[in-house]
């Protein structure tokens, strides 16, 4: 009887193991995904901390998973990525080659099971433009005009009609010049950002992407509303938000902080819901 009981225990354990493995495989096969692509913003980089789990993709994923239990976040973003390196590689290592290659491979292997694709790319193409280097900036705009449509169009072709695709307009770190006494540079930075965001919006809409208007959430054009914020005193609302939601004013680093990423996530959530 003891031997029989032992054998039954072993058989039962094997059955449980097989059923458990089958359930895990079935779960993996039915999983759905949120694919996050782009530059440092896509991986939640913060000043002095590097990539974090407090980025807009993390916040957005938490909100979307509440609606779609089991939704998995896949981050393929690369800090410092430009449209050129996203297409050709050169900064971050991907088994498939470039970030774009990795994204296309993922979309094709999981076709029909990717619910969301978000993209934030291009600001590293034109960072020098926002800093006032016109020649450098125009070169970056040229690559952006040619390559951004390749990225948005390629992702849409690979993923098909199932995912919700979304990209974003950008906020303006150049506004921080205001609190450093250079109001002229702060004001001049806005139309340059508008031109950049026009390219972003055009490429997105042409490929069926929705556009998260982060630029509006940061009130980039609002020089009229005055608010008081420590330690800068009374400043325009757009300047106050750059100082509160990024590290540009106090550390010279334009990456968003946790509050800024929550704001960005909110802009995405409004268009992907």
Protein backbone atom coordinates (compact mmCIF):
# COMPACT_ATOMS: atom_id res chain seq x y z
CA UNK A 1 0.00 0.00 0.00
CA UNK A 2 2.84 2.36 0.84
CA UNK A 3 4.50 1.69 -2.53
CA UNK A 4 1.18 2.15 -4.32
CA UNK A 5 0.57 5.44 -2.51
CA UNK A 6 4.08 6.65 -3.44
CA UNK A 7 3.53 5.76 -7.07
CA UNK A 8 0.18 7.54 -7.11
CA UNK A 9 1.82 10.62 -5.58
CA UNK A 10 4.45 10.64 -8.32
CA UNK A 11 1.85 10.21 -11.05
CA UNK A 12 -0.29 13.00 -9.55
CA UNK A 13 2.72 15.33 -9.41
CA UNK A 14 3.51 14.61 -13.06
CA UNK A 15 -0.08 15.33 -14.08
CA UNK A 16 -0.03 18.64 -12.20
CA UNK A 17 3.29 19.54 -13.84
CA UNK A 18 2.00 18.77 -17.33
CA UNK A 19 -1.26 20.64 -16.78
CA UNK A 20 0.59 23.58 -15.28
CA UNK A 21 2.99 23.72 -18.22
CA UNK A 22 0.08 23.57 -20.61
CA UNK A 23 -1.70 26.40 -18.82
CA UNK A 24 1.46 28.53 -18.87
CA UNK A 25 1.93 27.89 -22.58
CA UNK A 26 -1.71 28.74 -23.25
CA UNK A 27 -1.35 31.93 -21.21
CA UNK A 28 1.74 32.96 -23.18
CA UNK A 29 -0.01 32.20 -26.45
CA UNK A 30 -3.00 34.36 -25.53
CA UNK A 31 -1.05 37.25 -23.98
CA UNK A 32 -1.55 40.75 -25.35
CA UNK A 33 1.10 43.43 -25.53
CA UNK A 34 1.83 47.14 -25.34
CA UNK A 35 4.96 47.86 -27.40
CA UNK A 36 6.82 51.02 -26.34
CA UNK A 37 9.32 52.44 -28.84
CA UNK A 38 11.57 55.44 -29.19
CA UNK A 39 14.19 57.40 -27.30
CA UNK A 40 14.98 58.05 -23.63
CA UNK A 41 11.41 59.12 -22.96
CA UNK A 42 10.18 55.66 -23.90
CA UNK A 43 12.31 54.11 -21.15
CA UNK A 44 11.60 56.74 -18.50
CA UNK A 45 15.06 58.31 -18.23
CA UNK A 46 15.28 60.89 -15.44
CA UNK A 47 18.10 63.27 -14.60
CA UNK A 48 20.78 61.56 -12.51
CA UNK A 49 18.89 58.27 -12.50
CA UNK A 50 18.89 56.90 -16.02
CA UNK A 51 16.07 54.57 -17.11
CA UNK A 52 13.33 54.17 -14.50
CA UNK A 53 10.01 52.41 -14.04
CA UNK A 54 8.35 55.83 -13.62
CA UNK A 55 8.27 56.78 -17.30
CA UNK A 56 5.18 57.61 -19.30
CA UNK A 57 5.13 54.09 -20.75
CA UNK A 58 5.02 52.58 -17.25
CA UNK A 59 2.23 54.88 -16.10
CA UNK A 60 0.29 54.35 -19.32
CA UNK A 61 0.72 50.59 -19.09
CA UNK A 62 -0.68 50.54 -15.55
CA UNK A 63 -3.77 52.42 -16.70
CA UNK A 64 -4.27 50.23 -19.76
CA UNK A 65 -3.69 46.98 -17.87
CA UNK A 66 -6.51 47.91 -15.53
CA UNK A 67 -8.77 47.76 -18.58
CA UNK A 68 -7.04 44.77 -20.19
CA UNK A 69 -5.82 42.42 -17.44
CA UNK A 70 -2.66 40.59 -18.41
CA UNK A 71 -1.52 43.26 -20.88
CA UNK A 72 2.28 43.05 -21.04
CA UNK A 73 4.61 46.01 -21.48
CA UNK A 74 7.53 45.50 -23.88
CA UNK A 75 10.04 48.37 -23.85
CA UNK A 76 12.39 48.57 -26.82
CA UNK A 77 13.34 52.25 -26.46
CA UNK A 78 16.95 53.45 -26.52
CA UNK A 79 18.31 56.59 -24.80
CA UNK A 80 19.89 58.93 -27.32
CA UNK A 81 18.14 57.31 -30.28
CA UNK A 82 17.56 59.39 -33.41
CA UNK A 83 15.42 58.41 -36.37
CA UNK A 84 18.64 57.40 -38.16
CA UNK A 85 19.89 55.11 -35.40
CA UNK A 86 16.41 53.71 -34.86
CA UNK A 87 16.42 52.56 -38.47
CA UNK A 88 20.07 51.55 -38.78
CA UNK A 89 21.24 50.85 -35.23
CA UNK A 90 24.43 52.07 -33.58
CA UNK A 91 23.52 53.01 -30.00
CA UNK A 92 21.68 50.15 -28.29
CA UNK A 93 22.18 46.48 -29.12
CA UNK A 94 19.29 44.47 -30.52
CA UNK A 95 19.45 40.86 -31.63
CA UNK A 96 17.47 41.75 -34.74
CA UNK A 97 19.84 44.63 -35.62
CA UNK A 98 18.25 48.02 -34.98
CA UNK A 99 15.35 49.06 -32.77
CA UNK A 100 13.19 49.24 -35.88
CA UNK A 101 14.20 45.72 -36.89
CA UNK A 102 13.39 44.49 -33.39
CA UNK A 103 10.01 46.24 -33.42
CA UNK A 104 9.05 44.85 -36.83
CA UNK A 105 10.11 41.37 -35.77
CA UNK A 106 8.02 41.60 -32.60
CA UNK A 107 4.97 42.88 -34.45
CA UNK A 108 5.17 40.14 -37.05
CA UNK A 109 5.69 37.35 -34.49
CA UNK A 110 2.81 38.62 -32.34
CA UNK A 111 0.54 39.84 -35.10
CA UNK A 112 -2.98 40.34 -33.80
CA UNK A 113 -1.90 40.30 -30.15
CA UNK A 114 -0.28 43.75 -29.87
CA UNK A 115 -2.96 46.10 -28.57
CA UNK A 116 -0.93 49.32 -28.35
CA UNK A 117 2.18 50.82 -29.96
CA UNK A 118 3.56 54.14 -28.74
CA UNK A 119 6.44 56.08 -30.26
CA UNK A 120 8.54 59.03 -29.11
CA UNK A 121 11.41 59.68 -31.51
CA UNK A 122 13.04 62.60 -33.29
CA UNK A 123 13.94 65.10 -30.60
CA UNK A 124 17.56 63.94 -30.65
CA UNK A 125 17.66 64.79 -34.35
CA UNK A 126 17.05 68.46 -33.62
CA UNK A 127 18.32 69.07 -30.11
CA UNK A 128 20.87 71.55 -31.45
CA UNK A 129 18.09 73.50 -33.20
CA UNK A 130 16.27 74.01 -29.92
CA UNK A 131 19.59 75.21 -28.49
CA UNK A 132 19.88 77.84 -31.23
CA UNK A 133 22.28 76.10 -33.69
CA UNK A 134 20.34 76.68 -36.91
CA UNK A 135 22.72 74.91 -39.33
CA UNK A 136 22.90 71.77 -37.19
CA UNK A 137 19.17 71.89 -36.60
CA UNK A 138 18.29 72.12 -40.27
CA UNK A 139 20.41 69.04 -41.00
CA UNK A 140 18.52 67.18 -38.27
CA UNK A 141 15.19 68.33 -39.66
CA UNK A 142 16.19 66.95 -43.05
CA UNK A 143 16.81 63.47 -41.65
CA UNK A 144 13.62 63.70 -39.63
CA UNK A 145 11.53 64.54 -42.70
CA UNK A 146 12.92 61.57 -44.61
CA UNK A 147 13.06 58.96 -41.88
CA UNK A 148 10.13 59.52 -39.54
CA UNK A 149 7.56 58.50 -42.20
CA UNK A 150 9.61 55.33 -42.81
CA UNK A 151 9.30 54.49 -39.12
CA UNK A 152 5.60 55.22 -38.68
CA UNK A 153 4.67 53.67 -42.01
CA UNK A 154 6.80 50.59 -41.41
CA UNK A 155 5.33 49.96 -37.99
CA UNK A 156 1.80 50.28 -39.29
CA UNK A 157 2.47 47.91 -42.18
CA UNK A 158 3.99 45.29 -39.86
CA UNK A 159 1.38 45.54 -37.12
CA UNK A 160 -1.72 45.80 -39.26
CA UNK A 161 -4.97 47.32 -38.06
CA UNK A 162 -5.25 45.68 -34.64
CA UNK A 163 -2.96 47.88 -32.51
CA UNK A 164 -3.77 51.42 -31.51
CA UNK A 165 -0.77 53.45 -32.67
CA UNK A 166 0.15 56.74 -31.00
CA UNK A 167 3.03 59.19 -31.04
CA UNK A 168 3.42 62.57 -29.37
CA UNK A 169 4.18 66.23 -29.76
CA UNK A 170 7.02 67.47 -27.56
CA UNK A 171 7.35 70.01 -24.79
CA UNK A 172 9.89 72.85 -24.95
CA UNK A 173 12.97 72.70 -22.66
CA UNK A 174 14.11 75.96 -24.26
CA UNK A 175 11.57 77.80 -22.10
CA UNK A 176 13.89 77.30 -19.14
CA UNK A 177 16.03 80.14 -20.53
CA UNK A 178 13.40 82.47 -19.06
CA UNK A 179 14.45 81.80 -15.46
CA UNK A 180 18.10 82.27 -16.44
CA UNK A 181 17.39 85.82 -17.57
CA UNK A 182 17.26 85.11 -21.31
CA UNK A 183 13.64 85.73 -22.21
CA UNK A 184 14.36 86.27 -25.89
CA UNK A 185 15.72 82.73 -26.30
CA UNK A 186 12.77 81.29 -24.41
CA UNK A 187 10.28 83.07 -26.67
CA UNK A 188 12.20 82.19 -29.85
CA UNK A 189 12.30 78.49 -28.94
CA UNK A 190 8.52 78.10 -29.25
CA UNK A 191 8.11 78.60 -33.04
CA UNK A 192 11.08 76.29 -33.63
CA UNK A 193 9.40 73.62 -31.54
CA UNK A 194 6.15 74.23 -33.43
CA UNK A 195 7.91 73.44 -36.71
CA UNK A 196 9.34 70.24 -35.23
CA UNK A 197 5.96 69.21 -33.84
CA UNK A 198 4.40 69.88 -37.23
CA UNK A 199 6.67 67.23 -38.73
CA UNK A 200 5.81 64.85 -35.90
CA UNK A 201 2.08 65.36 -36.34
CA UNK A 202 2.19 65.06 -40.13
CA UNK A 203 4.13 61.76 -40.13
CA UNK A 204 1.88 60.35 -37.44
CA UNK A 205 -1.43 61.19 -39.07
CA UNK A 206 -0.26 60.03 -42.50
CA UNK A 207 0.40 56.55 -41.07
CA UNK A 208 -2.77 56.30 -39.01
CA UNK A 209 -1.18 57.16 -35.68
CA UNK A 210 -3.06 59.10 -33.05
CA UNK A 211 -1.25 62.11 -31.59
CA UNK A 212 -0.85 62.70 -27.86
CA UNK A 213 -0.63 66.49 -27.54
CA UNK A 214 2.04 66.75 -24.86
CA UNK A 215 2.87 70.22 -26.14
CA UNK A 216 -0.61 71.40 -25.13
CA UNK A 217 -0.48 69.60 -21.77
CA UNK A 218 2.68 71.57 -20.97
CA UNK A 219 0.94 74.82 -22.08
CA UNK A 220 3.91 75.64 -24.30
CA UNK A 221 2.29 78.73 -25.85
CA UNK A 222 0.95 80.27 -22.65
CA UNK A 223 3.14 83.24 -21.80
CA UNK A 224 0.11 85.21 -20.57
CA UNK A 225 -0.96 83.28 -17.48
CA UNK A 226 1.32 84.18 -14.61
CA UNK A 227 1.98 81.81 -11.71
CA UNK A 228 4.26 81.93 -8.71
CA UNK A 229 6.65 79.02 -8.27
CA UNK A 230 9.63 78.61 -5.95
CA UNK A 231 12.41 79.48 -6.29
CA UNK A 232 11.77 81.46 -9.49
CA UNK A 233 9.01 83.81 -8.36
CA UNK A 234 6.30 84.84 -10.81
CA UNK A 235 6.76 83.36 -14.27
CA UNK A 236 4.55 82.44 -17.25
CA UNK A 237 2.62 79.18 -16.97
CA UNK A 238 4.61 77.48 -19.74
CA UNK A 239 7.89 78.26 -17.96
CA UNK A 240 6.51 77.11 -14.63
CA UNK A 241 5.49 73.75 -16.09
CA UNK A 242 8.89 73.15 -17.68
CA UNK A 243 10.52 73.88 -14.32
CA UNK A 244 8.04 71.70 -12.41
CA UNK A 245 7.84 68.74 -14.79
CA UNK A 246 11.41 68.49 -16.15
CA UNK A 247 14.91 68.95 -14.76
CA UNK A 248 15.83 71.65 -17.27
CA UNK A 249 15.56 74.68 -14.99
CA UNK A 250 17.54 73.34 -12.03
CA UNK A 251 19.86 70.75 -13.60
CA UNK A 252 20.04 71.68 -17.27
CA UNK A 253 18.54 68.31 -18.18
CA UNK A 254 15.43 68.32 -20.35
CA UNK A 255 14.20 64.88 -19.35
CA UNK A 256 10.86 64.77 -17.62
CA UNK A 257 10.66 63.90 -13.94
CA UNK A 258 8.05 61.56 -12.45
CA UNK A 259 5.38 64.29 -12.47
CA UNK A 260 6.20 65.17 -16.06
CA UNK A 261 5.98 61.57 -17.20
CA UNK A 262 2.59 61.26 -15.53
CA UNK A 263 1.46 64.27 -17.53
CA UNK A 264 2.77 62.73 -20.75
CA UNK A 265 1.04 59.44 -19.94
CA UNK A 266 -2.20 61.33 -19.42
CA UNK A 267 -1.90 62.89 -22.87
CA UNK A 268 -1.42 59.43 -24.40
CA UNK A 269 -4.26 57.91 -22.40
CA UNK A 270 -6.69 60.52 -23.74
CA UNK A 271 -6.05 59.44 -27.35
CA UNK A 272 -5.63 55.67 -27.01
CA UNK A 273 -8.69 55.03 -24.83
